[in-house]
Protein backbone atom coordinates (compact mmCIF):
# COMPACT_ATOMS: atom_id res chain seq x y z
CA THR A 1 143.51 -61.72 -47.31
CA GLY A 2 142.38 -61.31 -43.67
CA THR A 3 143.54 -58.84 -41.06
CA THR A 4 145.33 -60.20 -38.02
CA TYR A 5 144.85 -58.39 -34.55
CA THR A 6 147.07 -58.89 -31.77
CA MET A 7 145.49 -58.84 -28.45
CA VAL A 8 147.39 -58.44 -25.09
CA VAL A 9 145.96 -59.77 -22.13
CA SER A 10 147.77 -59.42 -18.90
CA HIS A 11 146.03 -61.35 -15.96
CA PRO A 12 147.78 -63.72 -13.61
CA THR A 13 144.94 -66.48 -14.05
CA LEU A 14 144.38 -66.40 -17.61
CA HIS A 15 147.51 -67.77 -19.17
CA ILE A 16 146.71 -66.76 -22.96
CA THR A 17 149.30 -67.93 -25.56
CA ARG A 18 149.70 -66.99 -29.15
CA GLN A 19 148.09 -70.24 -30.04
CA ASP A 20 144.86 -69.54 -27.86
CA MET A 21 141.74 -68.26 -29.59
CA VAL A 22 139.50 -65.72 -27.84
CA VAL A 23 135.71 -65.61 -28.44
CA VAL A 24 133.79 -62.68 -27.17
CA ILE A 25 130.00 -62.97 -26.81
CA LEU A 26 127.70 -60.42 -25.78
CA ALA A 27 125.00 -62.02 -23.72
CA HIS A 28 122.51 -59.27 -22.74
CA ASN A 29 119.61 -61.23 -20.83
CA ARG A 30 119.48 -64.03 -23.53
CA SER A 31 120.25 -66.99 -21.50
CA GLU A 32 118.85 -69.47 -23.95
CA ILE A 33 120.83 -68.37 -26.85
CA LEU A 34 123.88 -67.98 -24.75
CA SER A 35 123.36 -71.73 -23.66
CA ASN A 36 122.95 -72.97 -27.14
CA ILE A 37 126.30 -70.90 -28.20
CA LEU A 38 128.28 -72.61 -25.52
CA GLU A 39 126.80 -76.11 -25.96
CA THR A 40 127.94 -76.04 -29.53
CA TRP A 41 131.53 -75.01 -28.58
CA LYS A 42 132.07 -77.47 -25.51
CA ASP A 43 132.74 -80.42 -27.29
CA VAL A 44 135.06 -79.13 -30.09
CA ASP A 45 138.47 -80.73 -30.17
CA GLY A 46 141.12 -78.33 -28.69
CA ILE A 47 138.55 -76.28 -26.95
CA GLY A 48 140.86 -75.89 -23.97
CA HIS A 49 142.87 -73.34 -26.06
CA THR A 50 139.88 -70.82 -26.25
CA LEU A 51 138.90 -68.26 -23.82
CA PHE A 52 135.35 -67.23 -23.90
CA ILE A 53 134.67 -63.72 -22.55
CA ILE A 54 130.99 -63.16 -21.86
CA SER A 55 129.99 -59.45 -21.92
CA HIS A 56 127.01 -58.35 -20.01
CA ASP A 57 125.00 -55.08 -19.88
CA GLY A 58 123.53 -56.01 -16.61
CA TYR A 59 123.05 -58.45 -13.93
CA PHE A 60 120.90 -61.42 -14.93
CA PRO A 61 120.71 -64.35 -12.75
CA ASP A 62 119.58 -66.98 -15.59
CA VAL A 63 122.63 -65.75 -17.54
CA HIS A 64 124.97 -66.44 -14.63
CA GLU A 65 123.41 -69.82 -14.26
CA VAL A 66 124.28 -70.79 -17.68
CA ILE A 67 127.68 -69.53 -17.40
CA ARG A 68 128.01 -71.56 -14.06
CA THR A 69 126.83 -74.66 -15.90
CA PHE A 70 129.64 -74.28 -18.65
CA GLN A 71 132.58 -73.34 -16.56
CA GLN A 72 133.63 -76.96 -15.88
CA LYS A 73 133.95 -77.68 -19.55
CA LEU A 74 135.14 -74.03 -20.97
CA ARG A 75 137.58 -71.39 -19.94
CA ILE A 76 135.07 -68.52 -19.37
CA ARG A 77 135.56 -64.91 -17.96
CA GLN A 78 132.91 -62.45 -17.61
CA ILE A 79 133.16 -58.55 -18.14
CA TYR A 80 130.39 -55.86 -17.61
CA PHE A 81 129.67 -52.97 -19.98
CA PRO A 82 130.64 -50.19 -17.49
CA ASP A 83 127.88 -48.00 -18.83
CA SER A 84 124.94 -50.50 -18.60
CA ALA A 85 121.43 -49.07 -18.94
CA HIS A 86 120.36 -51.76 -16.70
CA VAL A 87 122.55 -50.46 -13.80
CA LEU A 88 122.73 -46.79 -14.71
CA ARG A 89 119.07 -45.86 -15.42
CA ASP A 90 119.63 -42.33 -14.95
CA VAL A 91 122.66 -41.93 -16.92
CA PHE A 92 122.89 -41.83 -20.73
CA PRO A 93 126.10 -43.85 -22.08
CA ALA A 94 127.96 -41.94 -24.58
CA GLY A 95 131.41 -42.41 -24.44
CA LYS A 96 133.22 -39.85 -22.18
CA HIS A 97 130.22 -37.65 -22.21
CA TYR A 98 127.22 -38.22 -20.05
CA ILE A 99 123.80 -36.89 -19.79
CA THR A 100 122.44 -36.96 -16.46
CA LEU A 101 118.58 -37.33 -16.45
């Protein structure tokens, strides 16, 4: 049998219930792939009970444009990887330890 995980989300605008599904997508700078993924989900019955969390490792305008396009149809929130190589070019992300170049 599968393993069930419990996720606790506390945010005033998310309104997550036990019946909701959360889908996490790591986008990087692949806007075309992200668009294809969201396009396949947007017309699924009951999609309103799904929260899509799009994780980025940098700021990419084309990815944000894709997200903006789908925000009317899908519940989407964005998070950014805190040690993005795109943003922190002189720091090596290694958990709690950093090597400054």
